[in-house]
Amino acid sequence: MLVTYPEAAHWPIDPDRLDLVEEFRRQPRGPHGDELQKLLHRLRWAGDPDQPGRYVLIVTQPGKEWMLGRLPRQRGRPIELMRNHVFTSIAEAEWEVFKLRWEAITGRTLPPHLSEKLA
């Protein structure tokens, strides 16, 4: 269940907490533990001020296909569509967004065993 934690928008992310990454990777659609929910809230809302905008998924075919996009920093501008990043699995799409957000906020690339595609 998604719970809103106002303080989670500033929750400090420990880039060594790969256990939370592994928890998300196992079950990208949930259910998620308390700490992972806080991490996801931070990844979804905080963003990296040095990046052009937050990564998002855009539904191109409901229930069948999703495309990676990036929100603009300035409201009202068009979403940047990444047409070479199209997914037919919502779990795979959400895993890709998680990895990109993690790397943008922590400044660290995930280890090879965690950065590969879902099986």
N, C-alpha and C. Protein backbone atom coordinates (compact mmCIF):
# COMPACT_ATOMS: atom_id res chain seq x y z
N MET A 1 0.84 -1.18 0.00
CA MET A 1 0.00 0.00 0.00
C MET A 1 0.88 1.24 0.00
N LEU A 2 0.58 2.18 -0.85
CA LEU A 2 1.34 3.42 -0.92
C LEU A 2 0.94 4.30 0.23
N VAL A 3 1.92 4.70 1.00
CA VAL A 3 1.69 5.59 2.13
C VAL A 3 2.49 6.85 1.86
N THR A 4 1.89 8.01 2.09
CA THR A 4 2.59 9.26 1.87
C THR A 4 3.34 9.65 3.13
N TYR A 5 4.62 9.85 2.99
CA TYR A 5 5.48 10.29 4.08
C TYR A 5 6.02 11.66 3.69
N PRO A 6 5.45 12.76 4.20
CA PRO A 6 5.97 14.07 3.82
C PRO A 6 7.47 14.20 4.10
N GLU A 7 7.93 13.64 5.20
CA GLU A 7 9.35 13.74 5.53
C GLU A 7 10.22 12.86 4.63
N ALA A 8 9.61 11.92 3.93
CA ALA A 8 10.39 11.01 3.07
C ALA A 8 10.95 11.73 1.85
N ALA A 9 10.40 12.87 1.49
CA ALA A 9 10.93 13.62 0.35
C ALA A 9 12.35 14.09 0.63
N HIS A 10 12.73 14.11 1.90
CA HIS A 10 14.08 14.52 2.28
C HIS A 10 14.82 13.39 2.99
N TRP A 11 14.26 12.19 2.90
CA TRP A 11 14.86 11.03 3.55
C TRP A 11 16.25 10.80 2.97
N PRO A 12 17.27 10.70 3.82
CA PRO A 12 18.62 10.49 3.29
C PRO A 12 18.79 9.10 2.71
N ILE A 13 19.28 9.04 1.50
CA ILE A 13 19.49 7.75 0.84
C ILE A 13 20.92 7.30 1.11
N ASP A 14 21.04 6.11 1.66
CA ASP A 14 22.35 5.51 1.88
C ASP A 14 22.64 4.65 0.66
N PRO A 15 23.59 5.07 -0.20
CA PRO A 15 23.86 4.32 -1.43
C PRO A 15 24.41 2.91 -1.19
N ASP A 16 24.76 2.61 0.06
CA ASP A 16 25.22 1.26 0.39
C ASP A 16 24.08 0.32 0.76
N ARG A 17 22.85 0.83 0.83
CA ARG A 17 21.69 0.00 1.17
C ARG A 17 21.18 -0.75 -0.05
N LEU A 18 22.02 -1.61 -0.57
CA LEU A 18 21.65 -2.39 -1.75
C LEU A 18 20.58 -3.42 -1.42
N ASP A 19 20.35 -3.69 -0.13
CA ASP A 19 19.26 -4.58 0.25
C ASP A 19 17.91 -4.00 -0.19
N LEU A 20 17.78 -2.67 -0.14
CA LEU A 20 16.54 -2.03 -0.58
C LEU A 20 16.40 -2.13 -2.10
N VAL A 21 17.51 -2.01 -2.81
CA VAL A 21 17.51 -2.17 -4.27
C VAL A 21 17.07 -3.59 -4.61
N GLU A 22 17.64 -4.56 -3.91
CA GLU A 22 17.29 -5.96 -4.16
C GLU A 22 15.83 -6.24 -3.84
N GLU A 23 15.31 -5.62 -2.78
CA GLU A 23 13.89 -5.80 -2.43
C GLU A 23 13.01 -5.28 -3.56
N PHE A 24 13.33 -4.11 -4.09
CA PHE A 24 12.54 -3.57 -5.19
C PHE A 24 12.66 -4.45 -6.43
N ARG A 25 13.88 -4.91 -6.70
CA ARG A 25 14.10 -5.73 -7.89
C ARG A 25 13.28 -7.02 -7.85
N ARG A 26 13.18 -7.61 -6.65
CA ARG A 26 12.39 -8.85 -6.49
C ARG A 26 10.90 -8.60 -6.71
N GLN A 27 10.42 -7.46 -6.22
CA GLN A 27 8.98 -7.17 -6.33
C GLN A 27 8.77 -5.70 -6.67
N PRO A 28 8.99 -5.33 -7.93
CA PRO A 28 8.85 -3.91 -8.30
C PRO A 28 7.43 -3.38 -8.10
N ARG A 29 6.44 -4.24 -8.11
CA ARG A 29 5.05 -3.80 -7.94
C ARG A 29 4.59 -3.89 -6.49
N GLY A 30 5.49 -4.33 -5.57
CA GLY A 30 5.13 -4.38 -4.16
C GLY A 30 4.63 -5.74 -3.76
N PRO A 31 4.27 -5.93 -2.51
CA PRO A 31 4.29 -4.92 -1.45
C PRO A 31 5.72 -4.59 -1.03
N HIS A 32 5.89 -3.36 -0.49
CA HIS A 32 7.20 -2.89 -0.09
C HIS A 32 7.23 -2.61 1.40
N GLY A 33 8.39 -2.86 2.00
CA GLY A 33 8.61 -2.55 3.40
C GLY A 33 8.66 -1.05 3.62
N ASP A 34 8.65 -0.64 4.89
CA ASP A 34 8.62 0.77 5.28
C ASP A 34 9.80 1.55 4.71
N GLU A 35 11.01 1.03 4.86
CA GLU A 35 12.19 1.77 4.37
C GLU A 35 12.21 1.87 2.85
N LEU A 36 11.78 0.82 2.17
CA LEU A 36 11.73 0.88 0.71
C LEU A 36 10.67 1.87 0.26
N GLN A 37 9.55 1.95 0.96
CA GLN A 37 8.53 2.95 0.60
C GLN A 37 9.09 4.36 0.72
N LYS A 38 9.87 4.61 1.77
CA LYS A 38 10.48 5.94 1.94
C LYS A 38 11.49 6.21 0.82
N LEU A 39 12.28 5.20 0.49
CA LEU A 39 13.24 5.35 -0.60
C LEU A 39 12.52 5.66 -1.92
N LEU A 40 11.46 4.91 -2.21
CA LEU A 40 10.72 5.13 -3.46
C LEU A 40 10.10 6.53 -3.49
N HIS A 41 9.58 6.97 -2.35
CA HIS A 41 9.01 8.32 -2.29
C HIS A 41 10.09 9.35 -2.62
N ARG A 42 11.26 9.18 -2.06
CA ARG A 42 12.36 10.11 -2.32
C ARG A 42 12.77 10.06 -3.78
N LEU A 43 12.90 8.86 -4.33
CA LEU A 43 13.30 8.74 -5.74
C LEU A 43 12.26 9.34 -6.67
N ARG A 44 11.00 9.18 -6.32
CA ARG A 44 9.92 9.66 -7.20
C ARG A 44 9.75 11.17 -7.16
N TRP A 45 9.97 11.79 -6.01
CA TRP A 45 9.63 13.20 -5.86
C TRP A 45 10.80 14.14 -5.75
N ALA A 46 11.93 13.68 -5.23
CA ALA A 46 13.03 14.61 -5.00
C ALA A 46 13.75 14.98 -6.28
N GLY A 47 14.11 13.99 -7.06
CA GLY A 47 14.84 14.28 -8.29
C GLY A 47 16.23 14.82 -8.00
N ASP A 48 17.00 14.96 -9.02
CA ASP A 48 18.35 15.51 -8.91
C ASP A 48 18.32 16.90 -9.52
N PRO A 49 18.62 17.93 -8.72
CA PRO A 49 18.54 19.30 -9.26
C PRO A 49 19.48 19.57 -10.42
N ASP A 50 20.52 18.74 -10.58
CA ASP A 50 21.46 18.94 -11.67
C ASP A 50 21.03 18.23 -12.96
N GLN A 51 19.97 17.42 -12.90
CA GLN A 51 19.49 16.69 -14.07
C GLN A 51 18.37 17.48 -14.75
N PRO A 52 18.14 17.23 -16.05
CA PRO A 52 17.08 17.94 -16.76
C PRO A 52 15.68 17.73 -16.17
N GLY A 53 15.39 16.56 -15.61
CA GLY A 53 14.07 16.30 -15.05
C GLY A 53 13.98 14.85 -14.63
N ARG A 54 12.88 14.53 -13.95
CA ARG A 54 12.70 13.17 -13.44
C ARG A 54 12.29 12.21 -14.55
N TYR A 55 12.76 10.97 -14.42
CA TYR A 55 12.36 9.92 -15.36
C TYR A 55 10.95 9.45 -15.01
N VAL A 56 10.18 9.18 -16.05
CA VAL A 56 8.80 8.70 -15.89
C VAL A 56 8.52 7.64 -16.96
N LEU A 57 7.44 6.93 -16.75
CA LEU A 57 6.96 5.98 -17.75
C LEU A 57 5.71 6.55 -18.40
N ILE A 58 5.64 6.41 -19.70
CA ILE A 58 4.50 6.88 -20.47
C ILE A 58 3.82 5.67 -21.09
N VAL A 59 2.55 5.54 -20.87
CA VAL A 59 1.80 4.43 -21.44
C VAL A 59 1.57 4.72 -22.92
N THR A 60 2.04 3.82 -23.77
CA THR A 60 1.83 3.98 -25.21
C THR A 60 0.71 3.07 -25.70
N GLN A 61 0.55 1.92 -25.03
CA GLN A 61 -0.56 1.00 -25.28
C GLN A 61 -0.99 0.47 -23.92
N PRO A 62 -2.16 0.87 -23.43
CA PRO A 62 -2.58 0.48 -22.08
C PRO A 62 -2.43 -1.02 -21.81
N GLY A 63 -1.68 -1.31 -20.74
CA GLY A 63 -1.48 -2.68 -20.32
C GLY A 63 -0.51 -3.49 -21.18
N LYS A 64 0.07 -2.86 -22.22
CA LYS A 64 0.91 -3.61 -23.16
C LYS A 64 2.28 -2.98 -23.40
N GLU A 65 2.36 -1.66 -23.41
CA GLU A 65 3.61 -1.04 -23.80
C GLU A 65 3.81 0.30 -23.08
N TRP A 66 5.07 0.53 -22.66
CA TRP A 66 5.43 1.74 -21.93
C TRP A 66 6.72 2.29 -22.53
N MET A 67 6.86 3.61 -22.49
CA MET A 67 8.05 4.26 -23.02
C MET A 67 8.66 5.12 -21.91
N LEU A 68 9.98 5.17 -21.89
CA LEU A 68 10.69 6.00 -20.93
C LEU A 68 10.59 7.45 -21.38
N GLY A 69 10.41 8.33 -20.42
CA GLY A 69 10.37 9.76 -20.70
C GLY A 69 11.04 10.52 -19.58
N ARG A 70 11.21 11.80 -19.79
CA ARG A 70 11.78 12.65 -18.76
C ARG A 70 10.95 13.92 -18.67
N LEU A 71 10.50 14.23 -17.46
CA LEU A 71 9.72 15.44 -17.26
C LEU A 71 10.61 16.66 -17.40
N PRO A 72 10.06 17.74 -17.93
CA PRO A 72 10.84 18.97 -18.02
C PRO A 72 10.95 19.63 -16.64
N ARG A 73 11.97 20.40 -16.42
CA ARG A 73 12.10 21.14 -15.16
C ARG A 73 11.03 22.23 -15.08
N GLN A 74 10.71 22.82 -16.22
CA GLN A 74 9.73 23.90 -16.24
C GLN A 74 8.37 23.35 -16.65
N ARG A 75 7.39 23.56 -15.79
CA ARG A 75 6.04 23.09 -16.05
C ARG A 75 5.50 23.69 -17.34
N GLY A 76 4.79 22.86 -18.10
CA GLY A 76 4.19 23.31 -19.35
C GLY A 76 5.03 22.99 -20.58
N ARG A 77 6.27 22.65 -20.38
CA ARG A 77 7.12 22.25 -21.50
C ARG A 77 6.85 20.79 -21.84
N PRO A 78 7.18 20.34 -23.04
CA PRO A 78 6.89 18.95 -23.42
C PRO A 78 7.78 17.94 -22.69
N ILE A 79 7.23 16.76 -22.49
CA ILE A 79 7.98 15.65 -21.91
C ILE A 79 8.95 15.14 -22.98
N GLU A 80 10.18 14.89 -22.57
CA GLU A 80 11.17 14.32 -23.48
C GLU A 80 10.88 12.82 -23.61
N LEU A 81 10.54 12.37 -24.81
CA LEU A 81 10.26 10.97 -25.06
C LEU A 81 11.53 10.25 -25.50
N MET A 82 11.79 9.12 -24.89
CA MET A 82 12.97 8.33 -25.23
C MET A 82 12.49 7.12 -26.02
N ARG A 83 12.26 7.34 -27.29
CA ARG A 83 11.63 6.35 -28.16
C ARG A 83 12.45 5.07 -28.33
N ASN A 84 13.71 5.10 -27.96
CA ASN A 84 14.53 3.88 -28.05
C ASN A 84 14.48 3.07 -26.75
N HIS A 85 13.65 3.50 -25.79
CA HIS A 85 13.46 2.77 -24.53
C HIS A 85 11.97 2.42 -24.39
N VAL A 86 11.55 1.35 -25.05
CA VAL A 86 10.17 0.90 -25.03
C VAL A 86 10.13 -0.46 -24.34
N PHE A 87 9.13 -0.67 -23.50
CA PHE A 87 9.02 -1.89 -22.70
C PHE A 87 7.66 -2.55 -22.92
N THR A 88 7.66 -3.87 -22.90
CA THR A 88 6.40 -4.62 -22.98
C THR A 88 6.09 -5.30 -21.66
N SER A 89 6.90 -5.05 -20.65
CA SER A 89 6.69 -5.56 -19.29
C SER A 89 6.73 -4.37 -18.33
N ILE A 90 5.66 -4.18 -17.56
CA ILE A 90 5.64 -3.06 -16.60
C ILE A 90 6.71 -3.25 -15.54
N ALA A 91 6.98 -4.49 -15.14
CA ALA A 91 8.02 -4.74 -14.13
C ALA A 91 9.39 -4.32 -14.67
N GLU A 92 9.68 -4.67 -15.91
CA GLU A 92 10.95 -4.30 -16.53
C GLU A 92 11.05 -2.78 -16.68
N ALA A 93 9.95 -2.14 -17.06
CA ALA A 93 9.93 -0.69 -17.21
C ALA A 93 10.18 0.01 -15.88
N GLU A 94 9.52 -0.46 -14.82
CA GLU A 94 9.69 0.16 -13.52
C GLU A 94 11.09 -0.09 -12.96
N TRP A 95 11.67 -1.24 -13.26
CA TRP A 95 13.02 -1.53 -12.82
C TRP A 95 14.01 -0.57 -13.49
N GLU A 96 13.80 -0.31 -14.78
CA GLU A 96 14.68 0.61 -15.50
C GLU A 96 14.59 2.02 -14.92
N VAL A 97 13.39 2.48 -14.63
CA VAL A 97 13.22 3.82 -14.06
C VAL A 97 13.86 3.87 -12.68
N PHE A 98 13.68 2.83 -11.88
CA PHE A 98 14.29 2.78 -10.55
C PHE A 98 15.81 2.95 -10.67
N LYS A 99 16.44 2.19 -11.57
CA LYS A 99 17.89 2.25 -11.72
C LYS A 99 18.35 3.66 -12.13
N LEU A 100 17.65 4.26 -13.07
CA LEU A 100 18.02 5.60 -13.53
C LEU A 100 17.87 6.63 -12.41
N ARG A 101 16.79 6.55 -11.66
CA ARG A 101 16.58 7.48 -10.55
C ARG A 101 17.62 7.27 -9.46
N TRP A 102 17.91 5.99 -9.15
CA TRP A 102 18.91 5.67 -8.13
C TRP A 102 20.26 6.30 -8.51
N GLU A 103 20.68 6.08 -9.75
CA GLU A 103 21.98 6.59 -10.19
C GLU A 103 21.99 8.13 -10.22
N ALA A 104 20.87 8.75 -10.60
CA ALA A 104 20.81 10.21 -10.64
C ALA A 104 20.92 10.81 -9.25
N ILE A 105 20.28 10.20 -8.26
CA ILE A 105 20.27 10.77 -6.92
C ILE A 105 21.51 10.38 -6.12
N THR A 106 21.95 9.13 -6.22
CA THR A 106 23.09 8.70 -5.41
C THR A 106 24.43 8.99 -6.09
N GLY A 107 24.40 9.14 -7.41
CA GLY A 107 25.64 9.33 -8.14
C GLY A 107 26.43 8.04 -8.31
N ARG A 108 25.79 6.92 -7.97
CA ARG A 108 26.46 5.61 -8.07
C ARG A 108 25.73 4.69 -9.03
N THR A 109 26.53 3.98 -9.81
CA THR A 109 25.99 2.95 -10.68
C THR A 109 25.79 1.69 -9.85
N LEU A 110 24.72 0.97 -10.11
CA LEU A 110 24.49 -0.28 -9.39
C LEU A 110 25.50 -1.33 -9.82
N PRO A 111 25.83 -2.25 -8.91
CA PRO A 111 26.75 -3.33 -9.29
C PRO A 111 26.18 -4.15 -10.44
N PRO A 112 27.04 -4.81 -11.22
CA PRO A 112 26.58 -5.54 -12.40
C PRO A 112 25.46 -6.56 -12.11
N HIS A 113 25.53 -7.25 -10.99
CA HIS A 113 24.49 -8.26 -10.70
C HIS A 113 23.13 -7.62 -10.44
N LEU A 114 23.09 -6.31 -10.15
CA LEU A 114 21.82 -5.64 -9.93
C LEU A 114 21.40 -4.75 -11.12
N SER A 115 22.33 -4.45 -12.00
CA SER A 115 21.99 -3.52 -13.07
C SER A 115 21.43 -4.20 -14.33
N GLU A 116 21.49 -5.52 -14.36
CA GLU A 116 20.98 -6.21 -15.55
C GLU A 116 19.46 -6.25 -15.58
N LYS A 117 18.93 -6.59 -16.74
CA LYS A 117 17.47 -6.67 -16.92
C LYS A 117 16.88 -7.75 -16.05
N LEU A 118 15.60 -7.61 -15.77
CA LEU A 118 14.88 -8.63 -15.02
C LEU A 118 14.75 -9.88 -15.88
N ALA A 119 14.70 -11.04 -15.23
CA ALA A 119 14.57 -12.30 -15.97
C ALA A 119 13.15 -12.49 -16.45
